[in-house]
Protein backbone atom coordinates (compact mmCIF):
# COMPACT_ATOMS: atom_id res chain seq x y z
CA MET A 1 0.01 0.13 0.02
CA MET A 2 1.20 3.58 -0.81
CA VAL A 3 -0.05 6.21 1.61
CA THR A 4 0.27 10.05 0.82
CA GLY A 5 -0.34 13.26 2.75
CA GLY A 6 1.49 15.65 4.49
CA GLY A 7 2.40 19.09 5.25
CA THR A 8 0.61 19.42 8.84
CA GLY A 9 0.22 16.96 11.75
CA GLY A 10 -3.46 16.73 11.09
CA HIS A 11 -2.71 14.85 7.69
CA LEU A 12 0.44 13.05 8.85
CA PHE A 13 -0.96 11.30 11.95
CA PRO A 14 -3.96 9.64 10.42
CA GLY A 15 -1.66 8.42 7.61
CA ILE A 16 0.54 6.88 10.17
CA ALA A 17 -2.08 5.40 12.15
CA LEU A 18 -3.20 3.77 8.93
CA ALA A 19 -0.02 2.54 7.67
CA GLU A 20 0.95 1.11 11.05
CA ALA A 21 -2.33 -0.76 11.34
CA VAL A 22 -2.09 -2.41 7.95
CA GLN A 23 1.54 -3.71 8.91
CA ARG A 24 0.15 -4.96 12.20
CA LYS A 25 -2.86 -6.77 10.64
CA LEU A 26 -0.81 -8.23 7.51
CA PRO A 27 2.60 -9.01 8.86
CA GLY A 28 4.94 -8.49 6.00
CA SER A 29 3.14 -6.18 4.08
CA GLU A 30 4.89 -3.20 2.54
CA VAL A 31 4.01 0.34 3.02
CA LEU A 32 5.28 3.48 1.38
CA PHE A 33 4.44 6.81 2.64
CA VAL A 34 4.78 9.67 0.12
CA GLY A 35 5.02 13.02 2.10
CA THR A 36 6.26 16.61 1.24
CA GLU A 37 9.77 17.98 1.70
CA ARG A 38 8.62 20.32 4.64
CA LEU A 39 10.54 20.00 7.95
CA ILE A 40 7.47 18.66 9.85
CA ASP A 41 6.89 15.55 7.50
CA GLN A 42 10.78 14.69 8.15
CA GLN A 43 10.39 14.94 11.88
CA VAL A 44 7.12 12.93 12.34
CA LEU A 45 7.95 10.37 9.71
CA ALA A 46 11.33 9.71 11.05
CA GLY A 47 12.07 6.28 12.32
CA ARG A 48 8.78 4.79 11.43
CA SER A 49 8.36 1.04 10.59
CA PHE A 50 7.37 1.87 7.00
CA GLN A 51 9.13 3.32 4.01
CA VAL A 52 9.23 7.01 3.67
CA THR A 53 9.92 9.15 0.78
CA ALA A 54 8.95 12.73 -0.84
CA ILE A 55 7.88 14.38 -4.13
CA ARG A 56 8.43 17.79 -4.99
CA SER A 57 4.83 19.55 -4.99
CA ARG A 58 3.25 22.94 -4.42
CA ALA A 59 -0.02 24.25 -2.78
CA LEU A 60 -2.39 26.00 -5.15
CA LYS A 61 -5.17 27.28 -2.49
CA GLY A 62 -4.20 30.23 -0.42
CA ARG A 63 -1.45 31.34 -2.55
CA GLY A 64 -0.98 34.56 -4.61
CA LEU A 65 -1.15 34.66 -8.29
CA VAL A 66 2.66 33.91 -8.83
CA GLY A 67 2.33 31.13 -6.06
CA LYS A 68 -0.79 29.61 -7.92
CA LEU A 69 0.94 29.83 -11.32
CA LEU A 70 4.13 27.90 -9.74
CA GLY A 71 1.90 25.45 -8.52
CA VAL A 72 0.01 24.76 -11.61
CA LEU A 73 3.44 24.57 -13.47
CA GLN A 74 4.66 22.10 -10.89
CA VAL A 75 1.76 19.52 -11.19
CA PRO A 76 2.81 17.57 -14.33
CA PHE A 77 6.16 17.09 -12.84
CA SER A 78 4.68 15.82 -9.69
CA ILE A 79 2.47 13.45 -11.20
CA ALA A 80 5.47 12.06 -13.46
CA GLU A 81 7.46 11.77 -10.29
CA ALA A 82 4.86 10.11 -8.63
CA MET A 83 4.14 7.44 -11.63
CA ARG A 84 7.68 6.64 -11.35
CA LEU A 85 7.30 5.66 -7.68
CA ILE A 86 4.13 3.63 -8.30
CA ARG A 87 5.99 1.77 -11.05
CA GLY A 88 8.95 0.95 -8.90
CA PHE A 89 6.74 -0.02 -5.77
CA ARG A 90 3.90 -1.59 -7.50
CA PRO A 91 1.34 -0.79 -4.97
CA LEU A 92 -2.08 -2.65 -4.68
CA LEU A 93 -3.57 0.43 -3.37
CA VAL A 94 -2.86 4.22 -2.95
CA VAL A 95 -4.63 6.12 -0.12
CA GLY A 96 -4.63 10.00 0.14
CA VAL A 97 -4.86 11.37 3.47
CA GLY A 98 -5.12 15.24 2.72
CA GLY A 99 -2.60 17.95 1.78
CA TYR A 100 -1.35 19.05 -1.73
CA VAL A 101 0.90 16.17 -2.34
CA THR A 102 -2.25 13.88 -2.21
CA GLY A 103 -3.27 15.14 -5.49
CA PRO A 104 -0.47 14.22 -8.02
CA VAL A 105 0.24 10.89 -6.39
CA VAL A 106 -3.55 9.65 -6.16
CA LEU A 107 -4.21 10.94 -9.62
CA ALA A 108 -1.15 9.22 -10.98
CA ALA A 109 -2.40 5.92 -9.52
CA ARG A 110 -5.74 6.49 -11.00
CA LEU A 111 -4.22 7.24 -14.30
CA MET A 112 -1.86 3.84 -13.98
CA GLY A 113 -5.30 1.69 -13.03
CA VAL A 114 -4.40 1.32 -9.33
CA ALA A 115 -7.13 1.20 -6.66
CA THR A 116 -7.54 4.53 -5.11
CA ALA A 117 -9.20 5.96 -1.72
CA ILE A 118 -9.13 9.25 0.01
CA HIS A 119 -9.66 9.79 3.76
CA GLU A 120 -11.31 13.26 4.71
CA GLN A 121 -10.67 14.39 8.18
CA ASN A 122 -12.58 17.52 8.09
CA SER A 123 -15.88 18.74 7.77
CA VAL A 124 -15.35 20.59 4.72
CA PRO A 125 -12.70 18.85 2.38
CA GLY A 126 -9.57 20.72 1.02
CA LEU A 127 -9.09 21.39 -2.71
CA ALA A 128 -7.17 18.15 -3.35
CA ASN A 129 -9.61 15.77 -1.93
CA ARG A 130 -12.72 17.73 -3.23
CA LEU A 131 -11.25 17.05 -6.70
CA LEU A 132 -10.16 13.66 -6.19
CA GLY A 133 -13.51 12.48 -4.62
CA ARG A 134 -14.77 12.49 -8.33
CA VAL A 135 -12.29 10.04 -9.45
CA VAL A 136 -11.29 7.60 -6.64
CA ASP A 137 -12.93 4.34 -5.97
CA ARG A 138 -13.74 5.29 -2.02
CA VAL A 139 -13.85 8.28 -0.06
CA LEU A 140 -13.89 7.46 3.72
CA LEU A 141 -15.39 10.14 5.78
CA SER A 142 -14.63 11.34 9.49
CA ILE A 143 -17.40 13.82 9.95
CA PRO A 144 -20.99 12.81 8.74
CA ALA A 145 -21.52 16.52 7.47
CA SER A 146 -18.69 16.46 4.74
CA ASN A 147 -20.52 13.63 2.84
CA ARG A 148 -22.52 16.43 0.72
CA TYR A 149 -19.07 17.21 -1.00
CA PHE A 150 -18.91 13.70 -2.66
CA PRO A 151 -20.51 11.10 -4.67
CA ALA A 152 -22.91 9.27 -2.28
CA ASN A 153 -22.13 6.01 -3.60
CA ARG A 154 -18.35 6.15 -3.14
CA CYS A 155 -18.65 7.47 0.67
CA VAL A 156 -18.11 5.42 3.89
CA LEU A 157 -18.29 7.00 7.41
CA THR A 158 -15.32 5.38 9.33
CA GLY A 159 -14.06 8.28 11.59
CA ASN A 160 -10.54 9.59 11.88
CA PRO A 161 -7.66 7.27 12.79
CA VAL A 162 -5.90 7.66 16.12
CA ARG A 163 -2.45 6.19 16.44
CA ALA A 164 -2.48 2.99 18.59
CA GLU A 165 -0.23 4.28 21.36
CA LEU A 166 -2.95 6.90 22.00
CA LEU A 167 -5.81 4.49 21.97
CA ASP A 168 -4.12 2.35 24.57
CA ARG A 169 -3.35 5.41 26.77
CA ALA A 170 -7.09 6.50 26.60
CA LYS A 171 -8.61 2.98 27.46
CA ALA A 172 -6.25 3.29 30.60
CA SER A 173 -7.72 6.71 31.40
CA VAL A 174 -11.58 5.75 31.42
CA GLY A 175 -13.27 6.54 34.59
CA ALA A 176 -10.55 8.47 35.98
CA ALA A 177 -11.21 11.92 37.60
CA LEU A 178 -10.11 14.97 35.37
CA PRO A 179 -7.27 16.74 37.13
CA PRO A 180 -6.99 20.35 37.29
CA THR A 181 -4.36 20.80 34.28
CA LEU A 182 -4.82 22.85 31.21
CA LEU A 183 -3.46 21.69 28.13
CA VAL A 184 -3.06 24.21 25.43
CA LEU A 185 -2.56 23.12 21.61
CA GLY A 186 -2.35 25.50 18.76
CA GLY A 187 -1.84 22.65 16.03
CA SER A 188 1.54 21.14 14.95
CA GLN A 189 2.95 24.45 14.29
CA GLY A 190 1.58 26.33 17.22
CA ALA A 191 -0.90 29.36 17.25
CA HIS A 192 0.38 32.95 18.34
CA ARG A 193 -2.95 34.08 18.88
CA VAL A 194 -3.94 31.27 21.20
CA ASN A 195 -0.75 31.44 23.14
CA THR A 196 -1.21 35.43 23.81
CA LEU A 197 -4.96 34.73 24.57
CA VAL A 198 -4.26 31.95 26.88
CA VAL A 199 -1.37 33.83 28.84
CA GLU A 200 -3.52 37.04 29.03
CA ALA A 201 -6.51 35.08 30.41
CA LEU A 202 -4.55 33.05 33.10
CA SER A 203 -2.94 36.55 34.35
CA ARG A 204 -6.42 37.78 34.77
CA VAL A 205 -7.80 34.74 36.91
CA VAL A 206 -4.31 33.39 38.62
CA GLU A 207 -5.80 33.92 42.14
CA GLU A 208 -9.05 32.13 41.23
CA LEU A 209 -7.22 28.93 39.74
CA PRO A 210 -7.61 25.59 41.99
CA VAL A 211 -4.96 24.07 44.10
CA GLY A 212 -2.86 22.17 41.94
CA PHE A 213 -3.51 23.72 38.69
CA ARG A 214 -0.85 23.41 36.18
CA VAL A 215 -0.61 24.09 32.50
CA VAL A 216 0.88 22.07 29.66
CA HIS A 217 1.48 24.46 26.56
CA GLN A 218 2.56 23.65 23.19
CA THR A 219 3.59 26.91 21.64
CA GLY A 220 5.34 26.54 18.45
CA ALA A 221 9.02 27.53 18.01
CA GLY A 222 8.42 31.16 17.43
CA ASP A 223 6.68 31.75 21.26
CA GLU A 224 8.19 28.94 23.57
CA ALA A 225 10.66 31.19 25.41
CA TRP A 226 8.26 34.33 26.29
CA VAL A 227 5.56 32.11 27.15
CA ARG A 228 7.60 30.25 29.52
CA GLU A 229 8.75 33.33 31.07
CA GLN A 230 5.38 34.64 31.46
CA TYR A 231 4.29 31.74 33.40
CA ARG A 232 7.40 31.98 35.55
CA GLU A 233 6.50 35.49 36.46
CA LEU A 234 2.75 34.63 36.94
CA GLY A 235 4.04 31.85 39.43
CA ILE A 236 2.07 29.27 37.60
CA ASP A 237 3.28 25.67 37.37
CA ALA A 238 3.80 25.22 33.50
CA GLU A 239 5.19 22.84 31.17
CA VAL A 240 6.16 24.57 27.86
CA ALA A 241 7.39 23.16 24.66
CA ALA A 242 7.47 24.30 21.07
CA PHE A 243 6.10 20.83 20.17
CA PHE A 244 5.41 17.60 22.23
CA SER A 245 5.69 13.98 20.77
CA ASP A 246 4.04 12.01 23.79
CA MET A 247 0.64 13.29 23.33
CA GLY A 248 -0.78 10.34 24.88
CA ARG A 249 0.54 11.49 28.25
CA LEU A 250 -0.47 15.01 27.57
CA TYR A 251 -4.17 14.00 26.94
CA SER A 252 -4.13 11.52 30.03
CA GLU A 253 -2.78 14.56 32.30
CA ALA A 254 -5.38 17.19 30.99
CA GLY A 255 -8.39 18.11 32.57
CA LEU A 256 -9.44 20.59 30.10
CA VAL A 257 -7.96 21.36 26.53
CA VAL A 258 -7.76 24.76 24.93
CA SER A 259 -7.30 24.16 21.27
CA ARG A 260 -7.67 24.87 17.60
CA ALA A 261 -10.08 22.71 16.00
CA GLY A 262 -8.10 20.52 13.81
CA ALA A 263 -9.89 17.25 12.96
CA THR A 264 -7.04 15.09 14.16
CA SER A 265 -6.61 16.89 17.61
CA LEU A 266 -10.34 16.55 18.01
CA ALA A 267 -10.39 12.91 17.26
CA GLU A 268 -7.72 12.29 20.07
CA MET A 269 -9.61 14.53 22.51
CA THR A 270 -12.71 12.59 22.12
CA VAL A 271 -11.14 9.01 22.64
CA PHE A 272 -9.68 10.51 25.76
CA GLY A 273 -13.11 12.08 26.77
CA ARG A 274 -11.49 15.57 27.42
CA PRO A 275 -13.72 18.65 27.38
CA ALA A 276 -12.55 21.43 25.39
CA ILE A 277 -12.45 25.17 24.57
CA LEU A 278 -11.98 25.53 20.86
CA ILE A 279 -10.64 28.27 19.09
CA PRO A 280 -10.92 27.43 15.32
CA TYR A 281 -8.30 28.78 13.03
CA PRO A 282 -10.00 31.86 11.27
CA PHE A 283 -8.10 31.34 8.09
CA ALA A 284 -8.62 27.73 7.63
CA ALA A 285 -9.67 26.65 3.99
CA ASP A 286 -13.26 27.14 3.70
CA ASP A 287 -13.63 27.67 7.57
CA HIS A 288 -13.36 23.91 7.99
CA GLN A 289 -12.15 24.32 11.45
CA ALA A 290 -15.22 26.04 12.66
CA GLY A 291 -17.44 22.99 11.17
CA ASN A 292 -15.05 20.60 12.98
CA ALA A 293 -15.74 22.41 16.24
CA ARG A 294 -19.27 22.39 15.83
CA PHE A 295 -19.58 18.75 15.63
CA LEU A 296 -18.10 18.66 19.50
CA VAL A 297 -20.16 21.86 20.53
CA GLU A 298 -23.53 20.29 19.32
CA GLY A 299 -22.60 17.02 21.09
CA GLY A 300 -22.12 18.93 24.35
CA ALA A 301 -18.27 18.18 24.56
CA ALA A 302 -16.98 21.62 23.93
CA LEU A 303 -17.48 25.39 23.83
CA MET A 304 -16.43 27.30 20.75
CA PHE A 305 -15.20 30.94 20.32
CA ARG A 306 -14.46 32.68 17.00
CA GLU A 307 -10.81 34.25 17.42
CA GLY A 308 -12.03 37.56 16.08
CA GLU A 309 -14.64 37.87 19.04
CA LEU A 310 -12.59 36.30 21.85
CA ASP A 311 -10.60 38.40 24.46
CA GLY A 312 -8.68 37.38 27.39
CA ALA A 313 -11.33 38.42 29.80
CA THR A 314 -13.98 35.97 27.84
CA LEU A 315 -11.55 33.32 27.82
CA ALA A 316 -10.44 33.86 31.28
CA ALA A 317 -14.08 33.61 32.78
CA ASN A 318 -14.76 30.28 30.85
CA VAL A 319 -11.14 28.76 31.81
CA ALA A 320 -11.60 29.59 35.45
CA GLY A 321 -15.24 28.57 35.45
CA LEU A 322 -14.77 25.28 33.96
CA MET A 323 -11.62 24.59 36.31
CA ARG A 324 -13.88 25.30 39.26
CA GLU A 325 -16.84 23.22 38.13
CA SER A 326 -15.18 19.60 38.33
CA GLU A 327 -18.41 17.92 37.50
CA GLN A 328 -19.27 19.98 34.48
CA ARG A 329 -15.87 19.07 32.92
CA GLN A 330 -16.51 15.44 33.93
CA ARG A 331 -19.86 15.57 31.94
CA MET A 332 -18.47 17.26 28.82
CA GLY A 333 -15.78 14.67 28.74
CA GLU A 334 -18.34 11.93 29.07
CA ARG A 335 -20.09 13.51 25.89
CA ALA A 336 -16.59 13.82 24.15
CA ARG A 337 -16.08 10.03 24.31
CA ARG A 338 -19.63 9.26 23.11
CA LEU A 339 -18.65 11.09 20.01
CA ALA A 340 -15.27 9.33 19.52
CA ARG A 341 -14.65 6.45 16.96
CA PRO A 342 -11.88 4.62 18.61
CA LYS A 343 -12.38 1.57 15.83
CA ALA A 344 -11.89 4.18 12.95
CA THR A 345 -8.66 2.93 11.83
CA ALA A 346 -9.67 -0.69 11.99
CA ALA A 347 -12.78 0.22 9.82
CA ILE A 348 -10.72 1.93 7.42
CA VAL A 349 -8.34 -1.10 7.00
CA ASN A 350 -11.03 -3.42 6.61
CA GLU A 351 -12.72 -1.05 3.92
CA LEU A 352 -9.27 -0.99 2.06
CA LEU A 353 -8.76 -4.52 2.21
CA ALA A 354 -12.25 -5.28 0.88
CA MET A 355 -11.46 -2.97 -2.11
CA VAL A 356 -8.17 -4.65 -2.81
CA THR A 357 -9.53 -8.48 -2.55
CA SER A 358 -12.56 -7.31 -4.78
CA THR A 359 -10.43 -6.09 -7.71
CA ASN A 360 -6.93 -7.96 -7.16
CA ASN A 361 -5.74 -11.59 -6.52
CA ILE A 362 -3.31 -10.86 -3.58
CA CYS A 363 -1.62 -14.24 -3.48
CA ALA A 364 -0.97 -14.10 -7.42
CA ARG A 365 0.72 -10.71 -6.93
């Protein structure tokens, strides 16, 4: 199997979960992950049990005129590069998990007659998946609302894959009381506005926070030093880092999460049953993070605030209020767990295997 996607943790982590699940289910199987040349892809994919490579590709959406022109000119070269990889690796199946690299790889597979599928994590699909949904054999969905963007006869609702190590930690945390720990996440690259809002909010209510309160804050590289210094000056027990790799520990220790609303982060929060205050990224393509957040809000698992309408005072009141109301946080956490799809990875793997066995003789290959 060939898995392709990247550029953000939200695309990489579902692809990793899928690749590793296939290897566990079919020992001896070969998986090649085709990502981008971005640093985050290299960092997150390093040391994995499957093969990793990258092709040259460029984003089209959200770029200026020159950027879009360069992206369009790059497409045929990216497709040709992907076709060379497919000829060499000879996959039975190519699966796209999102990001601009997905387009040329999945399209190349389609042109070469290889079975294809895409997985859409968000409430509103990105440009690559929206176009690919018209030509692939199967579209696997995480959120029910996204089905309106794809042909109904190709859609299967599976949920969003969560890495096995996180699922194991989540099982161990079921039934545990939520500690007075605030986990702050801005996505895999961090979020400066989230960082400033949280620091301002906590500075307003530092005297109201419960005994034992602490913060675990993922800042992104640019804000790590000053955020750490702000917590030191406020006298708040804080663990601050640009990026955390052991997310299982962080979710296990969290009693409330303040976060962007990337689909992968939300899937992880729900399997752990963690209540959340969500601040969708306002410039996400087609405002898809707001749609992602709405799914949890409607399920009673989260509060959502638009970044442009949120200030430190409002965030302070809600963080302090929820921290004081442990029973409310517990109820929200239980509702979050009801929205989780911990078997999403297995559902996707089974669907992909059904695709392959219906069109190929695996033993003969």
